[in-house]
Amino acid sequence: MIPFLIELTKEFKKVCKESYLEINTSEKVIYPYLTFSYSSEILENKREGFYIEVDIFDSCGADTLKLEQLTEDIRQHFLKSSILTEKVLLQFKVGSRRMIPTTNKHIKRRWLQLYCKVDWRE
């Protein structure tokens, strides 16, 4: 599990420096940022599938251009992407995308779902 999380976090940070597992743990919130969580299913003995939920936040008010671009950059980064290390093979697929309303008129939120097949190599 740890090799998967290490590689996944590295990939998110390539696109959005402020990337966090589950919640933003920073003492000072810097926008935009993303959080991600996952659920898994066993596919075979050494293969697992992960549904990855990505929430992207920006304090942009009505001007959501930067937020939309970041959402698209994340989508493009993972579109049919594969990563091979000594411990895992990760194969990504991009799923759904949607706008999520917030109660704060300045904070905007977008959501993406990714799917990752993981072949454990150790």
PDB file of N, CA and C in Angstrom:
ATOM      1  N   MET A   1       0.819  -1.197   0.000  1.00  0.00           N
ATOM      2  CA  MET A   1       0.000   0.000   0.000  1.00  0.00           C
ATOM      3  C   MET A   1       0.863   1.261   0.000  1.00  0.00           C
ATOM      4  N   ILE A   2       1.931   1.255   0.784  1.00  0.00           N
ATOM      5  CA  ILE A   2       2.785   2.443   0.897  1.00  0.00           C
ATOM      6  C   ILE A   2       3.410   2.828  -0.452  1.00  0.00           C
ATOM      7  N   PRO A   3       3.948   1.868  -1.249  1.00  0.00           N
ATOM      8  CA  PRO A   3       4.501   2.266  -2.556  1.00  0.00           C
ATOM      9  C   PRO A   3       3.464   2.939  -3.459  1.00  0.00           C
ATOM     10  N   PHE A   4       2.229   2.470  -3.403  1.00  0.00           N
ATOM     11  CA  PHE A   4       1.152   3.081  -4.186  1.00  0.00           C
ATOM     12  C   PHE A   4       0.925   4.529  -3.751  1.00  0.00           C
ATOM     13  N   LEU A   5       0.814   4.762  -2.446  1.00  0.00           N
ATOM     14  CA  LEU A   5       0.575   6.117  -1.929  1.00  0.00           C
ATOM     15  C   LEU A   5       1.740   7.055  -2.218  1.00  0.00           C
ATOM     16  N   ILE A   6       2.958   6.548  -2.120  1.00  0.00           N
ATOM     17  CA  ILE A   6       4.135   7.373  -2.416  1.00  0.00           C
ATOM     18  C   ILE A   6       4.099   7.840  -3.866  1.00  0.00           C
ATOM     19  N   GLU A   7       3.872   6.912  -4.790  1.00  0.00           N
ATOM     20  CA  GLU A   7       3.848   7.269  -6.215  1.00  0.00           C
ATOM     21  C   GLU A   7       2.667   8.172  -6.547  1.00  0.00           C
ATOM     22  N   LEU A   8       1.509   7.879  -5.975  1.00  0.00           N
ATOM     23  CA  LEU A   8       0.322   8.692  -6.236  1.00  0.00           C
ATOM     24  C   LEU A   8       0.529  10.128  -5.755  1.00  0.00           C
ATOM     25  N   THR A   9       1.061  10.285  -4.568  1.00  0.00           N
ATOM     26  CA  THR A   9       1.324  11.624  -4.024  1.00  0.00           C
ATOM     27  C   THR A   9       2.334  12.368  -4.889  1.00  0.00           C
ATOM     28  N   LYS A  10       3.385  11.677  -5.333  1.00  0.00           N
ATOM     29  CA  LYS A  10       4.384  12.295  -6.226  1.00  0.00           C
ATOM     30  C   LYS A  10       3.728  12.823  -7.496  1.00  0.00           C
ATOM     31  N   GLU A  11       2.842  12.017  -8.071  1.00  0.00           N
ATOM     32  CA  GLU A  11       2.178  12.418  -9.315  1.00  0.00           C
ATOM     33  C   GLU A  11       1.272  13.625  -9.102  1.00  0.00           C
ATOM     34  N   PHE A  12       0.513  13.642  -8.020  1.00  0.00           N
ATOM     35  CA  PHE A  12      -0.333  14.805  -7.747  1.00  0.00           C
ATOM     36  C   PHE A  12       0.512  16.059  -7.554  1.00  0.00           C
ATOM     37  N   LYS A  13       1.628  15.945  -6.844  1.00  0.00           N
ATOM     38  CA  LYS A  13       2.475  17.112  -6.575  1.00  0.00           C
ATOM     39  C   LYS A  13       3.147  17.651  -7.839  1.00  0.00           C
ATOM     40  N   LYS A  14       3.280  16.832  -8.872  1.00  0.00           N
ATOM     41  CA  LYS A  14       3.811  17.311 -10.154  1.00  0.00           C
ATOM     42  C   LYS A  14       2.862  18.327 -10.785  1.00  0.00           C
ATOM     43  N   VAL A  15       1.566  18.148 -10.542  1.00  0.00           N
ATOM     44  CA  VAL A  15       0.555  19.016 -11.146  1.00  0.00           C
ATOM     45  C   VAL A  15       0.105  20.118 -10.192  1.00  0.00           C
ATOM     46  N   CYS A  16       0.000  19.784  -8.903  1.00  0.00           N
ATOM     47  CA  CYS A  16      -0.447  20.745  -7.883  1.00  0.00           C
ATOM     48  C   CYS A  16       0.413  20.557  -6.636  1.00  0.00           C
ATOM     49  N   LYS A  17       1.280  21.517  -6.391  1.00  0.00           N
ATOM     50  CA  LYS A  17       2.219  21.424  -5.262  1.00  0.00           C
ATOM     51  C   LYS A  17       1.508  21.175  -3.934  1.00  0.00           C
ATOM     52  N   GLU A  18       0.364  21.810  -3.747  1.00  0.00           N
ATOM     53  CA  GLU A  18      -0.408  21.659  -2.509  1.00  0.00           C
ATOM     54  C   GLU A  18      -1.373  20.476  -2.659  1.00  0.00           C
ATOM     55  N   SER A  19      -0.858  19.261  -2.449  1.00  0.00           N
ATOM     56  CA  SER A  19      -1.643  18.028  -2.577  1.00  0.00           C
ATOM     57  C   SER A  19      -1.573  17.248  -1.275  1.00  0.00           C
ATOM     58  N   TYR A  20      -2.742  16.780  -0.807  1.00  0.00           N
ATOM     59  CA  TYR A  20      -2.817  16.145   0.512  1.00  0.00           C
ATOM     60  C   TYR A  20      -3.700  14.904   0.474  1.00  0.00           C
ATOM     61  N   LEU A  21      -3.316  13.895   1.235  1.00  0.00           N
ATOM     62  CA  LEU A  21      -4.146  12.714   1.428  1.00  0.00           C
ATOM     63  C   LEU A  21      -5.241  13.055   2.444  1.00  0.00           C
ATOM     64  N   GLU A  22      -6.460  12.899   2.078  1.00  0.00           N
ATOM     65  CA  GLU A  22      -7.678  13.116   2.878  1.00  0.00           C
ATOM     66  C   GLU A  22      -7.994  14.569   3.215  1.00  0.00           C
ATOM     67  N   ILE A  23      -7.120  15.265   3.957  1.00  0.00           N
ATOM     68  CA  ILE A  23      -7.414  16.655   4.339  1.00  0.00           C
ATOM     69  C   ILE A  23      -6.169  17.523   4.182  1.00  0.00           C
ATOM     70  N   ASN A  24      -6.393  18.811   4.021  1.00  0.00           N
ATOM     71  CA  ASN A  24      -5.288  19.763   3.948  1.00  0.00           C
ATOM     72  C   ASN A  24      -4.743  19.955   5.362  1.00  0.00           C
ATOM     73  N   THR A  25      -3.524  19.493   5.585  1.00  0.00           N
ATOM     74  CA  THR A  25      -2.917  19.539   6.919  1.00  0.00           C
ATOM     75  C   THR A  25      -1.998  20.743   7.116  1.00  0.00           C
ATOM     76  N   SER A  26      -1.948  21.618   6.137  1.00  0.00           N
ATOM     77  CA  SER A  26      -1.086  22.791   6.219  1.00  0.00           C
ATOM     78  C   SER A  26      -1.589  23.759   7.294  1.00  0.00           C
ATOM     79  N   GLU A  27      -0.651  24.371   8.019  1.00  0.00           N
ATOM     80  CA  GLU A  27      -1.044  25.365   9.028  1.00  0.00           C
ATOM     81  C   GLU A  27      -1.640  26.602   8.370  1.00  0.00           C
ATOM     82  N   LYS A  28      -1.108  26.958   7.191  1.00  0.00           N
ATOM     83  CA  LYS A  28      -1.648  28.083   6.425  1.00  0.00           C
ATOM     84  C   LYS A  28      -2.131  27.535   5.081  1.00  0.00           C
ATOM     85  N   VAL A  29      -3.399  27.698   4.797  1.00  0.00           N
ATOM     86  CA  VAL A  29      -3.965  27.173   3.556  1.00  0.00           C
ATOM     87  C   VAL A  29      -3.512  28.028   2.378  1.00  0.00           C
ATOM     88  N   ILE A  30      -2.938  27.360   1.395  1.00  0.00           N
ATOM     89  CA  ILE A  30      -2.498  28.013   0.161  1.00  0.00           C
ATOM     90  C   ILE A  30      -3.359  27.460  -0.974  1.00  0.00           C
ATOM     91  N   TYR A  31      -3.977  28.364  -1.725  1.00  0.00           N
ATOM     92  CA  TYR A  31      -4.839  27.971  -2.840  1.00  0.00           C
ATOM     93  C   TYR A  31      -4.086  28.107  -4.141  1.00  0.00           C
ATOM     94  N   PRO A  32      -4.413  27.327  -5.146  1.00  0.00           N
ATOM     95  CA  PRO A  32      -5.315  26.181  -5.089  1.00  0.00           C
ATOM     96  C   PRO A  32      -4.643  24.990  -4.405  1.00  0.00           C
ATOM     97  N   TYR A  33      -5.465  24.071  -3.927  1.00  0.00           N
ATOM     98  CA  TYR A  33      -4.933  22.827  -3.371  1.00  0.00           C
ATOM     99  C   TYR A  33      -5.884  21.689  -3.705  1.00  0.00           C
ATOM    100  N   LEU A  34      -5.362  20.474  -3.563  1.00  0.00           N
ATOM    101  CA  LEU A  34      -6.218  19.316  -3.772  1.00  0.00           C
ATOM    102  C   LEU A  34      -6.069  18.332  -2.627  1.00  0.00           C
ATOM    103  N   THR A  35      -7.123  17.590  -2.395  1.00  0.00           N
ATOM    104  CA  THR A  35      -7.098  16.476  -1.449  1.00  0.00           C
ATOM    105  C   THR A  35      -7.556  15.242  -2.216  1.00  0.00           C
ATOM    106  N   PHE A  36      -7.084  14.086  -1.781  1.00  0.00           N
ATOM    107  CA  PHE A  36      -7.512  12.856  -2.429  1.00  0.00           C
ATOM    108  C   PHE A  36      -7.724  11.757  -1.399  1.00  0.00           C
ATOM    109  N   SER A  37      -8.612  10.855  -1.736  1.00  0.00           N
ATOM    110  CA  SER A  37      -8.878   9.674  -0.913  1.00  0.00           C
ATOM    111  C   SER A  37      -9.120   8.518  -1.876  1.00  0.00           C
ATOM    112  N   TYR A  38      -9.212   7.316  -1.347  1.00  0.00           N
ATOM    113  CA  TYR A  38      -9.356   6.162  -2.230  1.00  0.00           C
ATOM    114  C   TYR A  38     -10.129   5.041  -1.550  1.00  0.00           C
ATOM    115  N   SER A  39     -10.661   4.166  -2.367  1.00  0.00           N
ATOM    116  CA  SER A  39     -11.209   2.890  -1.912  1.00  0.00           C
ATOM    117  C   SER A  39     -10.651   1.843  -2.867  1.00  0.00           C
ATOM    118  N   SER A  40     -10.583   0.598  -2.405  1.00  0.00           N
ATOM    119  CA  SER A  40      -9.932  -0.407  -3.247  1.00  0.00           C
ATOM    120  C   SER A  40     -10.766  -1.665  -3.386  1.00  0.00           C
ATOM    121  N   GLU A  41     -10.397  -2.435  -4.400  1.00  0.00           N
ATOM    122  CA  GLU A  41     -10.999  -3.740  -4.634  1.00  0.00           C
ATOM    123  C   GLU A  41      -9.901  -4.697  -5.074  1.00  0.00           C
ATOM    124  N   ILE A  42      -9.999  -5.942  -4.645  1.00  0.00           N
ATOM    125  CA  ILE A  42      -9.041  -6.959  -5.063  1.00  0.00           C
ATOM    126  C   ILE A  42      -9.465  -7.454  -6.443  1.00  0.00           C
ATOM    127  N   LEU A  43      -8.526  -7.442  -7.392  1.00  0.00           N
ATOM    128  CA  LEU A  43      -8.819  -7.920  -8.738  1.00  0.00           C
ATOM    129  C   LEU A  43      -8.284  -9.338  -8.943  1.00  0.00           C
ATOM    130  N   GLU A  44      -7.072  -9.574  -8.484  1.00  0.00           N
ATOM    131  CA  GLU A  44      -6.423 -10.887  -8.557  1.00  0.00           C
ATOM    132  C   GLU A  44      -5.439 -10.966  -7.407  1.00  0.00           C
ATOM    133  N   ASN A  45      -4.665 -12.051  -7.353  1.00  0.00           N
ATOM    134  CA  ASN A  45      -3.727 -12.241  -6.244  1.00  0.00           C
ATOM    135  C   ASN A  45      -2.803 -11.050  -6.015  1.00  0.00           C
ATOM    136  N   LYS A  46      -2.174 -10.560  -7.059  1.00  0.00           N
ATOM    137  CA  LYS A  46      -1.221  -9.454  -6.906  1.00  0.00           C
ATOM    138  C   LYS A  46      -1.683  -8.215  -7.659  1.00  0.00           C
ATOM    139  N   ARG A  47      -2.975  -8.084  -7.837  1.00  0.00           N
ATOM    140  CA  ARG A  47      -3.522  -6.927  -8.554  1.00  0.00           C
ATOM    141  C   ARG A  47      -4.686  -6.353  -7.760  1.00  0.00           C
ATOM    142  N   GLU A  48      -4.684  -5.025  -7.654  1.00  0.00           N
ATOM    143  CA  GLU A  48      -5.733  -4.329  -6.912  1.00  0.00           C
ATOM    144  C   GLU A  48      -6.208  -3.141  -7.743  1.00  0.00           C
ATOM    145  N   GLY A  49      -7.462  -2.764  -7.592  1.00  0.00           N
ATOM    146  CA  GLY A  49      -8.000  -1.588  -8.264  1.00  0.00           C
ATOM    147  C   GLY A  49      -8.357  -0.529  -7.237  1.00  0.00           C
ATOM    148  N   PHE A  50      -8.028   0.722  -7.542  1.00  0.00           N
ATOM    149  CA  PHE A  50      -8.299   1.826  -6.620  1.00  0.00           C
ATOM    150  C   PHE A  50      -9.154   2.887  -7.307  1.00  0.00           C
ATOM    151  N   TYR A  51     -10.254   3.259  -6.664  1.00  0.00           N
ATOM    152  CA  TYR A  51     -11.043   4.412  -7.070  1.00  0.00           C
ATOM    153  C   TYR A  51     -10.500   5.596  -6.277  1.00  0.00           C
ATOM    154  N   ILE A  52     -10.022   6.604  -6.972  1.00  0.00           N
ATOM    155  CA  ILE A  52      -9.381   7.753  -6.329  1.00  0.00           C
ATOM    156  C   ILE A  52     -10.281   8.975  -6.516  1.00  0.00           C
ATOM    157  N   GLU A  53     -10.711   9.545  -5.404  1.00  0.00           N
ATOM    158  CA  GLU A  53     -11.565  10.733  -5.401  1.00  0.00           C
ATOM    159  C   GLU A  53     -10.672  11.951  -5.173  1.00  0.00           C
ATOM    160  N   VAL A  54     -10.732  12.913  -6.087  1.00  0.00           N
ATOM    161  CA  VAL A  54      -9.884  14.102  -6.013  1.00  0.00           C
ATOM    162  C   VAL A  54     -10.773  15.336  -5.876  1.00  0.00           C
ATOM    163  N   ASP A  55     -10.552  16.121  -4.825  1.00  0.00           N
ATOM    164  CA  ASP A  55     -11.256  17.389  -4.628  1.00  0.00           C
ATOM    165  C   ASP A  55     -10.255  18.518  -4.804  1.00  0.00           C
ATOM    166  N   ILE A  56     -10.582  19.467  -5.682  1.00  0.00           N
ATOM    167  CA  ILE A  56      -9.701  20.590  -5.987  1.00  0.00           C
ATOM    168  C   ILE A  56     -10.397  21.860  -5.517  1.00  0.00           C
ATOM    169  N   PHE A  57      -9.685  22.662  -4.742  1.00  0.00           N
ATOM    170  CA  PHE A  57     -10.249  23.882  -4.157  1.00  0.00           C
ATOM    171  C   PHE A  57      -9.445  25.103  -4.599  1.00  0.00           C
ATOM    172  N   ASP A  58     -10.157  26.218  -4.822  1.00  0.00           N
ATOM    173  CA  ASP A  58      -9.486  27.485  -5.098  1.00  0.00           C
ATOM    174  C   ASP A  58     -10.320  28.619  -4.508  1.00  0.00           C
ATOM    175  N   SER A  59      -9.628  29.641  -4.036  1.00  0.00           N
ATOM    176  CA  SER A  59     -10.287  30.837  -3.517  1.00  0.00           C
ATOM    177  C   SER A  59     -10.277  31.867  -4.639  1.00  0.00           C
ATOM    178  N   CYS A  60     -11.184  31.701  -5.586  1.00  0.00           N
ATOM    179  CA  CYS A  60     -11.130  32.494  -6.812  1.00  0.00           C
ATOM    180  C   CYS A  60     -12.393  33.300  -7.078  1.00  0.00           C
ATOM    181  N   GLY A  61     -13.388  33.171  -6.229  1.00  0.00           N
ATOM    182  CA  GLY A  61     -14.628  33.896  -6.485  1.00  0.00           C
ATOM    183  C   GLY A  61     -15.264  33.444  -7.787  1.00  0.00           C
ATOM    184  N   ALA A  62     -15.747  34.396  -8.566  1.00  0.00           N
ATOM    185  CA  ALA A  62     -16.435  34.068  -9.816  1.00  0.00           C
ATOM    186  C   ALA A  62     -15.484  33.720 -10.955  1.00  0.00           C
ATOM    187  N   ASP A  63     -14.212  34.098 -10.847  1.00  0.00           N
ATOM    188  CA  ASP A  63     -13.239  33.832 -11.910  1.00  0.00           C
ATOM    189  C   ASP A  63     -12.626  32.446 -11.713  1.00  0.00           C
ATOM    190  N   THR A  64     -13.231  31.442 -12.310  1.00  0.00           N
ATOM    191  CA  THR A  64     -12.805  30.053 -12.090  1.00  0.00           C
ATOM    192  C   THR A  64     -11.840  29.534 -13.156  1.00  0.00           C
ATOM    193  N   LEU A  65     -11.324  30.411 -14.000  1.00  0.00           N
ATOM    194  CA  LEU A  65     -10.455  29.975 -15.096  1.00  0.00           C
ATOM    195  C   LEU A  65      -9.252  29.171 -14.599  1.00  0.00           C
ATOM    196  N   LYS A  66      -8.571  29.665 -13.568  1.00  0.00           N
ATOM    197  CA  LYS A  66      -7.397  28.966 -13.033  1.00  0.00           C
ATOM    198  C   LYS A  66      -7.782  27.596 -12.456  1.00  0.00           C
ATOM    199  N   LEU A  67      -8.912  27.537 -11.780  1.00  0.00           N
ATOM    200  CA  LEU A  67      -9.398  26.277 -11.212  1.00  0.00           C
ATOM    201  C   LEU A  67      -9.746  25.278 -12.316  1.00  0.00           C
ATOM    202  N   GLU A  68     -10.421  25.748 -13.350  1.00  0.00           N
ATOM    203  CA  GLU A  68     -10.772  24.861 -14.469  1.00  0.00           C
ATOM    204  C   GLU A  68      -9.514  24.360 -15.169  1.00  0.00           C
ATOM    205  N   GLN A  69      -8.513  25.228 -15.308  1.00  0.00           N
ATOM    206  CA  GLN A  69      -7.269  24.819 -15.958  1.00  0.00           C
ATOM    207  C   GLN A  69      -6.534  23.776 -15.123  1.00  0.00           C
ATOM    208  N   LEU A  70      -6.481  23.972 -13.808  1.00  0.00           N
ATOM    209  CA  LEU A  70      -5.835  22.993 -12.932  1.00  0.00           C
ATOM    210  C   LEU A  70      -6.564  21.650 -12.995  1.00  0.00           C
ATOM    211  N   THR A  71      -7.884  21.680 -12.992  1.00  0.00           N
ATOM    212  CA  THR A  71      -8.671  20.448 -13.095  1.00  0.00           C
ATOM    213  C   THR A  71      -8.353  19.724 -14.397  1.00  0.00           C
ATOM    214  N   GLU A  72      -8.277  20.470 -15.480  1.00  0.00           N
ATOM    215  CA  GLU A  72      -7.940  19.879 -16.779  1.00  0.00           C
ATOM    216  C   GLU A  72      -6.502  19.369 -16.794  1.00  0.00           C
ATOM    217  N   ASP A  73      -5.577  20.088 -16.178  1.00  0.00           N
ATOM    218  CA  ASP A  73      -4.177  19.633 -16.106  1.00  0.00           C
ATOM    219  C   ASP A  73      -4.070  18.301 -15.363  1.00  0.00           C
ATOM    220  N   ILE A  74      -4.805  18.166 -14.280  1.00  0.00           N
ATOM    221  CA  ILE A  74      -4.804  16.902 -13.525  1.00  0.00           C
ATOM    222  C   ILE A  74      -5.381  15.790 -14.391  1.00  0.00           C
ATOM    223  N   ARG A  75      -6.497  16.082 -15.043  1.00  0.00           N
ATOM    224  CA  ARG A  75      -7.129  15.094 -15.923  1.00  0.00           C
ATOM    225  C   ARG A  75      -6.166  14.637 -17.019  1.00  0.00           C
ATOM    226  N   GLN A  76      -5.520  15.585 -17.673  1.00  0.00           N
ATOM    227  CA  GLN A  76      -4.574  15.256 -18.745  1.00  0.00           C
ATOM    228  C   GLN A  76      -3.370  14.480 -18.223  1.00  0.00           C
ATOM    229  N   HIS A  77      -2.902  14.831 -17.033  1.00  0.00           N
ATOM    230  CA  HIS A  77      -1.732  14.162 -16.451  1.00  0.00           C
ATOM    231  C   HIS A  77      -1.989  12.665 -16.253  1.00  0.00           C
ATOM    232  N   PHE A  78      -3.201  12.319 -15.840  1.00  0.00           N
ATOM    233  CA  PHE A  78      -3.508  10.921 -15.529  1.00  0.00           C
ATOM    234  C   PHE A  78      -4.189  10.166 -16.673  1.00  0.00           C
ATOM    235  N   LEU A  79      -4.512  10.859 -17.750  1.00  0.00           N
ATOM    236  CA  LEU A  79      -5.192  10.228 -18.879  1.00  0.00           C
ATOM    237  C   LEU A  79      -4.321   9.125 -19.473  1.00  0.00           C
ATOM    238  N   LYS A  80      -4.731   7.887 -19.324  1.00  0.00           N
ATOM    239  CA  LYS A  80      -4.009   6.719 -19.846  1.00  0.00           C
ATOM    240  C   LYS A  80      -2.546   6.705 -19.428  1.00  0.00           C
ATOM    241  N   SER A  81      -2.272   7.118 -18.214  1.00  0.00           N
ATOM    242  CA  SER A  81      -0.911   7.196 -17.689  1.00  0.00           C
ATOM    243  C   SER A  81      -0.519   5.878 -17.024  1.00  0.00           C
ATOM    244  N   SER A  82       0.755   5.514 -17.143  1.00  0.00           N
ATOM    245  CA  SER A  82       1.298   4.326 -16.474  1.00  0.00           C
ATOM    246  C   SER A  82       2.602   4.694 -15.788  1.00  0.00           C
ATOM    247  N   ILE A  83       2.845   4.077 -14.633  1.00  0.00           N
ATOM    248  CA  ILE A  83       4.082   4.303 -13.880  1.00  0.00           C
ATOM    249  C   ILE A  83       4.606   2.941 -13.455  1.00  0.00           C
ATOM    250  N   LEU A  84       5.877   2.699 -13.728  1.00  0.00           N
ATOM    251  CA  LEU A  84       6.505   1.435 -13.362  1.00  0.00           C
ATOM    252  C   LEU A  84       7.666   1.704 -12.418  1.00  0.00           C
ATOM    253  N   THR A  85       7.635   1.069 -11.249  1.00  0.00           N
ATOM    254  CA  THR A  85       8.753   1.133 -10.304  1.00  0.00           C
ATOM    255  C   THR A  85       9.147  -0.306  -9.972  1.00  0.00           C
ATOM    256  N   GLU A  86      10.139  -0.456  -9.124  1.00  0.00           N
ATOM    257  CA  GLU A  86      10.539  -1.802  -8.706  1.00  0.00           C
ATOM    258  C   GLU A  86       9.438  -2.490  -7.904  1.00  0.00           C
ATOM    259  N   LYS A  87       8.562  -1.722  -7.278  1.00  0.00           N
ATOM    260  CA  LYS A  87       7.549  -2.299  -6.385  1.00  0.00           C
ATOM    261  C   LYS A  87       6.145  -2.371  -6.965  1.00  0.00           C
ATOM    262  N   VAL A  88       5.817  -1.458  -7.895  1.00  0.00           N
ATOM    263  CA  VAL A  88       4.445  -1.421  -8.423  1.00  0.00           C
ATOM    264  C   VAL A  88       4.401  -1.007  -9.889  1.00  0.00           C
ATOM    265  N   LEU A  89       3.339  -1.454 -10.559  1.00  0.00           N
ATOM    266  CA  LEU A  89       2.965  -0.933 -11.865  1.00  0.00           C
ATOM    267  C   LEU A  89       1.609  -0.272 -11.662  1.00  0.00           C
ATOM    268  N   LEU A  90       1.519   1.014 -11.970  1.00  0.00           N
ATOM    269  CA  LEU A  90       0.270   1.768 -11.834  1.00  0.00           C
ATOM    270  C   LEU A  90      -0.250   2.111 -13.224  1.00  0.00           C
ATOM    271  N   GLN A  91      -1.521   1.811 -13.477  1.00  0.00           N
ATOM    272  CA  GLN A  91      -2.158   2.153 -14.745  1.00  0.00           C
ATOM    273  C   GLN A  91      -3.415   2.960 -14.427  1.00  0.00           C
ATOM    274  N   PHE A  92      -3.436   4.214 -14.892  1.00  0.00           N
ATOM    275  CA  PHE A  92      -4.520   5.138 -14.545  1.00  0.00           C
ATOM    276  C   PHE A  92      -5.536   5.281 -15.669  1.00  0.00           C
ATOM    277  N   LYS A  93      -6.763   5.556 -15.262  1.00  0.00           N
ATOM    278  CA  LYS A  93      -7.851   5.912 -16.153  1.00  0.00           C
ATOM    279  C   LYS A  93      -8.602   7.069 -15.509  1.00  0.00           C
ATOM    280  N   VAL A  94      -9.020   8.027 -16.306  1.00  0.00           N
ATOM    281  CA  VAL A  94      -9.789   9.163 -15.783  1.00  0.00           C
ATOM    282  C   VAL A  94     -11.269   8.838 -15.897  1.00  0.00           C
ATOM    283  N   GLY A  95     -12.003   9.081 -14.814  1.00  0.00           N
ATOM    284  CA  GLY A  95     -13.445   8.820 -14.796  1.00  0.00           C
ATOM    285  C   GLY A  95     -14.233  10.110 -14.841  1.00  0.00           C
ATOM    286  N   SER A  96     -15.129  10.267 -13.906  1.00  0.00           N
ATOM    287  CA  SER A  96     -16.056  11.403 -13.866  1.00  0.00           C
ATOM    288  C   SER A  96     -15.393  12.696 -13.406  1.00  0.00           C
ATOM    289  N   ARG A  97     -16.087  13.792 -13.726  1.00  0.00           N
ATOM    290  CA  ARG A  97     -15.657  15.136 -13.319  1.00  0.00           C
ATOM    291  C   ARG A  97     -16.920  15.937 -13.036  1.00  0.00           C
ATOM    292  N   ARG A  98     -16.889  16.734 -11.959  1.00  0.00           N
ATOM    293  CA  ARG A  98     -18.078  17.561 -11.695  1.00  0.00           C
ATOM    294  C   ARG A  98     -17.739  18.796 -10.864  1.00  0.00           C
ATOM    295  N   MET A  99     -18.686  19.744 -10.888  1.00  0.00           N
ATOM    296  CA  MET A  99     -18.605  20.944 -10.056  1.00  0.00           C
ATOM    297  C   MET A  99     -19.329  20.641  -8.751  1.00  0.00           C
ATOM    298  N   ILE A 100     -18.734  21.036  -7.614  1.00  0.00           N
ATOM    299  CA  ILE A 100     -19.348  20.824  -6.306  1.00  0.00           C
ATOM    300  C   ILE A 100     -19.604  22.201  -5.685  1.00  0.00           C
ATOM    301  N   PRO A 101     -20.855  22.534  -5.370  1.00  0.00           N
ATOM    302  CA  PRO A 101     -21.133  23.833  -4.747  1.00  0.00           C
ATOM    303  C   PRO A 101     -20.561  23.913  -3.327  1.00  0.00           C
ATOM    304  N   THR A 102     -20.194  25.114  -2.917  1.00  0.00           N
ATOM    305  CA  THR A 102     -19.751  25.354  -1.543  1.00  0.00           C
ATOM    306  C   THR A 102     -20.635  26.447  -0.944  1.00  0.00           C
ATOM    307  N   THR A 103     -20.564  26.613   0.355  1.00  0.00           N
ATOM    308  CA  THR A 103     -21.359  27.660   1.008  1.00  0.00           C
ATOM    309  C   THR A 103     -20.627  29.000   1.050  1.00  0.00           C
ATOM    310  N   ASN A 104     -19.363  29.010   0.625  1.00  0.00           N
ATOM    311  CA  ASN A 104     -18.557  30.230   0.602  1.00  0.00           C
ATOM    312  C   ASN A 104     -18.479  30.734  -0.836  1.00  0.00           C
ATOM    313  N   LYS A 105     -18.893  31.976  -1.083  1.00  0.00           N
ATOM    314  CA  LYS A 105     -18.927  32.482  -2.463  1.00  0.00           C
ATOM    315  C   LYS A 105     -17.537  32.667  -3.071  1.00  0.00           C
ATOM    316  N   HIS A 106     -16.490  32.677  -2.253  1.00  0.00           N
ATOM    317  CA  HIS A 106     -15.127  32.833  -2.764  1.00  0.00           C
ATOM    318  C   HIS A 106     -14.441  31.500  -3.036  1.00  0.00           C
ATOM    319  N   ILE A 107     -14.823  30.454  -2.313  1.00  0.00           N
ATOM    320  CA  ILE A 107     -14.197  29.142  -2.464  1.00  0.00           C
ATOM    321  C   ILE A 107     -14.971  28.329  -3.497  1.00  0.00           C
ATOM    322  N   LYS A 108     -14.263  27.859  -4.514  1.00  0.00           N
ATOM    323  CA  LYS A 108     -14.856  27.009  -5.552  1.00  0.00           C
ATOM    324  C   LYS A 108     -14.214  25.630  -5.463  1.00  0.00           C
ATOM    325  N   ARG A 109     -15.001  24.621  -5.859  1.00  0.00           N
ATOM    326  CA  ARG A 109     -14.544  23.235  -5.716  1.00  0.00           C
ATOM    327  C   ARG A 109     -14.879  22.429  -6.967  1.00  0.00           C
ATOM    328  N   ARG A 110     -13.931  21.605  -7.368  1.00  0.00           N
ATOM    329  CA  ARG A 110     -14.144  20.669  -8.467  1.00  0.00           C
ATOM    330  C   ARG A 110     -13.794  19.269  -7.976  1.00  0.00           C
ATOM    331  N   TRP A 111     -14.356  18.264  -8.628  1.00  0.00           N
ATOM    332  CA  TRP A 111     -14.166  16.875  -8.217  1.00  0.00           C
ATOM    333  C   TRP A 111     -13.837  16.031  -9.439  1.00  0.00           C
ATOM    334  N   LEU A 112     -12.886  15.135  -9.269  1.00  0.00           N
ATOM    335  CA  LEU A 112     -12.521  14.173 -10.310  1.00  0.00           C
ATOM    336  C   LEU A 112     -12.477  12.788  -9.697  1.00  0.00           C
ATOM    337  N   GLN A 113     -12.782  11.794 -10.504  1.00  0.00           N
ATOM    338  CA  GLN A 113     -12.562  10.418 -10.066  1.00  0.00           C
ATOM    339  C   GLN A 113     -11.592   9.766 -11.035  1.00  0.00           C
ATOM    340  N   LEU A 114     -10.572   9.137 -10.475  1.00  0.00           N
ATOM    341  CA  LEU A 114      -9.602   8.374 -11.250  1.00  0.00           C
ATOM    342  C   LEU A 114      -9.750   6.909 -10.863  1.00  0.00           C
ATOM    343  N   TYR A 115      -9.295   6.037 -11.741  1.00  0.00           N
ATOM    344  CA  TYR A 115      -9.220   4.617 -11.404  1.00  0.00           C
ATOM    345  C   TYR A 115      -7.797   4.175 -11.681  1.00  0.00           C
ATOM    346  N   CYS A 116      -7.238   3.389 -10.774  1.00  0.00           N
ATOM    347  CA  CYS A 116      -5.859   2.929 -10.929  1.00  0.00           C
ATOM    348  C   CYS A 116      -5.785   1.429 -10.682  1.00  0.00           C
ATOM    349  N   LYS A 117      -5.273   0.707 -11.681  1.00  0.00           N
ATOM    350  CA  LYS A 117      -4.968  -0.711 -11.492  1.00  0.00           C
ATOM    351  C   LYS A 117      -3.540  -0.790 -10.986  1.00  0.00           C
ATOM    352  N   VAL A 118      -3.339  -1.539  -9.915  1.00  0.00           N
ATOM    353  CA  VAL A 118      -2.013  -1.673  -9.316  1.00  0.00           C
ATOM    354  C   VAL A 118      -1.591  -3.134  -9.377  1.00  0.00           C
ATOM    355  N   ASP A 119      -0.454  -3.368 -10.012  1.00  0.00           N
ATOM    356  CA  ASP A 119       0.178  -4.688  -9.989  1.00  0.00           C
ATOM    357  C   ASP A 119       1.306  -4.616  -8.981  1.00  0.00           C
ATOM    358  N   TRP A 120       1.186  -5.384  -7.905  1.00  0.00           N
ATOM    359  CA  TRP A 120       2.224  -5.411  -6.872  1.00  0.00           C
ATOM    360  C   TRP A 120       3.361  -6.287  -7.374  1.00  0.00           C
ATOM    361  N   ARG A 121       4.576  -5.773  -7.398  1.00  0.00           N
ATOM    362  CA  ARG A 121       5.709  -6.478  -7.986  1.00  0.00           C
ATOM    363  C   ARG A 121       6.648  -7.073  -6.952  1.00  0.00           C
ATOM    364  N   GLU A 122       6.375  -6.914  -5.690  1.00  0.00           N
ATOM    365  CA  GLU A 122       7.286  -7.460  -4.678  1.00  0.00           C
ATOM    366  C   GLU A 122       6.686  -8.645  -3.969  1.00  0.00           C
TER     367      GLU A 122
END
